[in-house]
């Protein structure tokens, strides 16, 4: 479990702006540009079945693996989310109120973290190095 826990510094994005825009009209160009330009540090703490992922950008989520919880993706956009632990990956499935769904996979390695984002209309990645 120690492989997952740690601090990660932003390195780069891959098609992240496009992914954000694929979420729908709730995500304006201004919001997508702001998020795409952010360079956060992410802290991951695992305590048994509880995971806390927090960001220097002021966002974060604490959850229990396997339990569904309400998650505010963006101001005004709340989804039902379930996260599972699968080896070196935290797999997150989210469902919007209108039935749309998406996933995030936090893929951890000795060198860092890649967050894979996807939904029916797009995908993107964010890369972080372990610090």
Protein backbone atom coordinates (compact mmCIF):
# COMPACT_ATOMS: atom_id res chain seq x y z
CA UNK A 1 0.00 0.00 0.00
CA UNK A 2 2.98 2.34 0.50
CA UNK A 3 3.36 2.58 -3.28
CA UNK A 4 0.15 4.63 -3.52
CA UNK A 5 0.60 6.97 -0.58
CA UNK A 6 2.75 10.03 -1.12
CA UNK A 7 3.05 13.48 -2.65
CA UNK A 8 2.98 14.06 -6.40
CA UNK A 9 3.96 17.20 -8.36
CA UNK A 10 2.28 18.10 -11.64
CA UNK A 11 4.38 17.57 -14.79
CA UNK A 12 2.10 17.82 -17.85
CA UNK A 13 -1.30 17.26 -19.44
CA UNK A 14 -2.31 15.20 -22.43
CA UNK A 15 -5.65 16.19 -24.03
CA UNK A 16 -6.95 17.30 -20.63
CA UNK A 17 -8.64 20.49 -21.95
CA UNK A 18 -10.45 18.44 -24.59
CA UNK A 19 -11.57 15.97 -21.94
CA UNK A 20 -12.90 18.78 -19.74
CA UNK A 21 -14.91 20.20 -22.65
CA UNK A 22 -16.32 16.73 -23.37
CA UNK A 23 -18.06 16.80 -19.97
CA UNK A 24 -20.76 19.06 -21.41
CA UNK A 25 -21.98 22.63 -21.45
CA UNK A 26 -21.56 22.97 -17.68
CA UNK A 27 -17.80 23.29 -18.27
CA UNK A 28 -17.17 26.63 -19.99
CA UNK A 29 -14.00 27.44 -21.93
CA UNK A 30 -12.98 29.65 -19.00
CA UNK A 31 -13.35 26.84 -16.44
CA UNK A 32 -11.63 24.30 -18.73
CA UNK A 33 -8.72 26.69 -19.38
CA UNK A 34 -8.30 27.41 -15.67
CA UNK A 35 -8.27 23.71 -14.77
CA UNK A 36 -6.02 22.80 -17.71
CA UNK A 37 -3.53 25.48 -16.63
CA UNK A 38 -3.41 24.42 -13.00
CA UNK A 39 -0.23 22.74 -11.76
CA UNK A 40 -1.21 21.20 -8.44
CA UNK A 41 0.57 19.00 -5.98
CA UNK A 42 -1.48 15.96 -4.97
CA UNK A 43 -1.26 14.23 -1.60
CA UNK A 44 -2.51 10.65 -1.23
CA UNK A 45 -3.07 9.09 2.18
CA UNK A 46 -4.32 5.53 2.61
CA UNK A 47 -5.55 4.33 6.02
CA UNK A 48 -6.96 0.82 5.76
CA UNK A 49 -9.96 1.03 3.42
CA UNK A 50 -10.09 4.84 3.51
CA UNK A 51 -8.36 7.00 0.90
CA UNK A 52 -7.85 10.75 1.06
CA UNK A 53 -6.72 12.47 -2.15
CA UNK A 54 -6.13 16.20 -1.74
CA UNK A 55 -4.77 18.87 -4.03
CA UNK A 56 -2.82 22.08 -3.45
CA UNK A 57 -5.51 23.68 -5.64
CA UNK A 58 -7.87 23.32 -2.67
CA UNK A 59 -9.82 20.32 -3.89
CA UNK A 60 -9.92 16.93 -2.28
CA UNK A 61 -11.96 13.89 -1.52
CA UNK A 62 -11.98 11.36 1.29
CA UNK A 63 -13.74 8.09 0.59
CA UNK A 64 -13.99 4.44 1.53
CA UNK A 65 -13.15 1.92 -1.19
CA UNK A 66 -16.25 0.15 -2.50
CA UNK A 67 -18.77 2.63 -1.07
CA UNK A 68 -20.73 5.08 -3.22
CA UNK A 69 -20.48 8.76 -2.21
CA UNK A 70 -21.54 12.19 -3.50
CA UNK A 71 -18.67 14.04 -5.15
CA UNK A 72 -18.66 17.64 -6.36
CA UNK A 73 -16.63 17.53 -9.58
CA UNK A 74 -17.04 21.25 -10.24
CA UNK A 75 -19.14 23.93 -8.55
CA UNK A 76 -22.73 22.91 -9.17
CA UNK A 77 -21.87 19.48 -10.63
CA UNK A 78 -22.33 16.61 -8.18
CA UNK A 79 -22.02 12.96 -9.19
CA UNK A 80 -22.46 9.58 -7.53
CA UNK A 81 -19.00 8.04 -7.30
CA UNK A 82 -17.56 4.67 -6.34
CA UNK A 83 -13.82 4.01 -6.02
CA UNK A 84 -12.09 0.65 -5.90
CA UNK A 85 -8.50 -0.37 -5.27
CA UNK A 86 -7.04 -2.69 -7.89
CA UNK A 87 -3.32 -3.33 -7.35
CA UNK A 88 -1.46 -0.09 -8.08
CA UNK A 89 -4.63 1.64 -9.36
CA UNK A 90 -7.49 3.50 -7.77
CA UNK A 91 -10.39 3.15 -10.22
CA UNK A 92 -13.15 5.74 -9.88
CA UNK A 93 -16.54 5.44 -11.60
CA UNK A 94 -18.92 8.42 -11.55
CA UNK A 95 -22.52 8.81 -12.73
CA UNK A 96 -24.16 12.19 -13.40
CA UNK A 97 -27.79 12.84 -12.47
CA UNK A 98 -28.80 12.61 -16.15
CA UNK A 99 -27.21 9.17 -16.55
CA UNK A 100 -23.92 10.20 -18.19
CA UNK A 101 -20.93 8.40 -16.73
CA UNK A 102 -17.18 8.71 -16.63
CA UNK A 103 -14.11 7.24 -15.04
CA UNK A 104 -10.80 8.25 -13.57
CA UNK A 105 -8.00 5.81 -13.02
CA UNK A 106 -5.18 6.87 -10.71
CA UNK A 107 -2.24 4.72 -11.85
CA UNK A 108 0.64 4.76 -9.35
CA UNK A 109 4.27 3.76 -9.93
CA UNK A 110 7.55 4.22 -8.10
CA UNK A 111 8.20 7.32 -10.22
CA UNK A 112 4.81 8.96 -10.12
CA UNK A 113 1.14 9.06 -10.92
CA UNK A 114 -0.88 9.19 -14.13
CA UNK A 115 -4.55 10.11 -13.86
CA UNK A 116 -6.53 8.75 -16.82
CA UNK A 117 -9.86 10.53 -17.42
CA UNK A 118 -12.52 9.18 -19.79
CA UNK A 119 -16.18 9.35 -20.72
CA UNK A 120 -18.22 8.50 -23.82
CA UNK A 121 -17.09 11.69 -25.61
CA UNK A 122 -13.44 12.12 -24.68
CA UNK A 123 -10.39 11.23 -22.69
CA UNK A 124 -7.29 12.88 -21.28
CA UNK A 125 -4.41 12.38 -18.88
CA UNK A 126 -2.49 14.28 -16.22
CA UNK A 127 1.05 13.25 -15.29
CA UNK A 128 2.68 13.77 -11.89
CA UNK A 129 6.10 12.87 -10.48
CA UNK A 130 6.57 11.48 -6.99
CA UNK A 131 8.29 13.98 -4.68
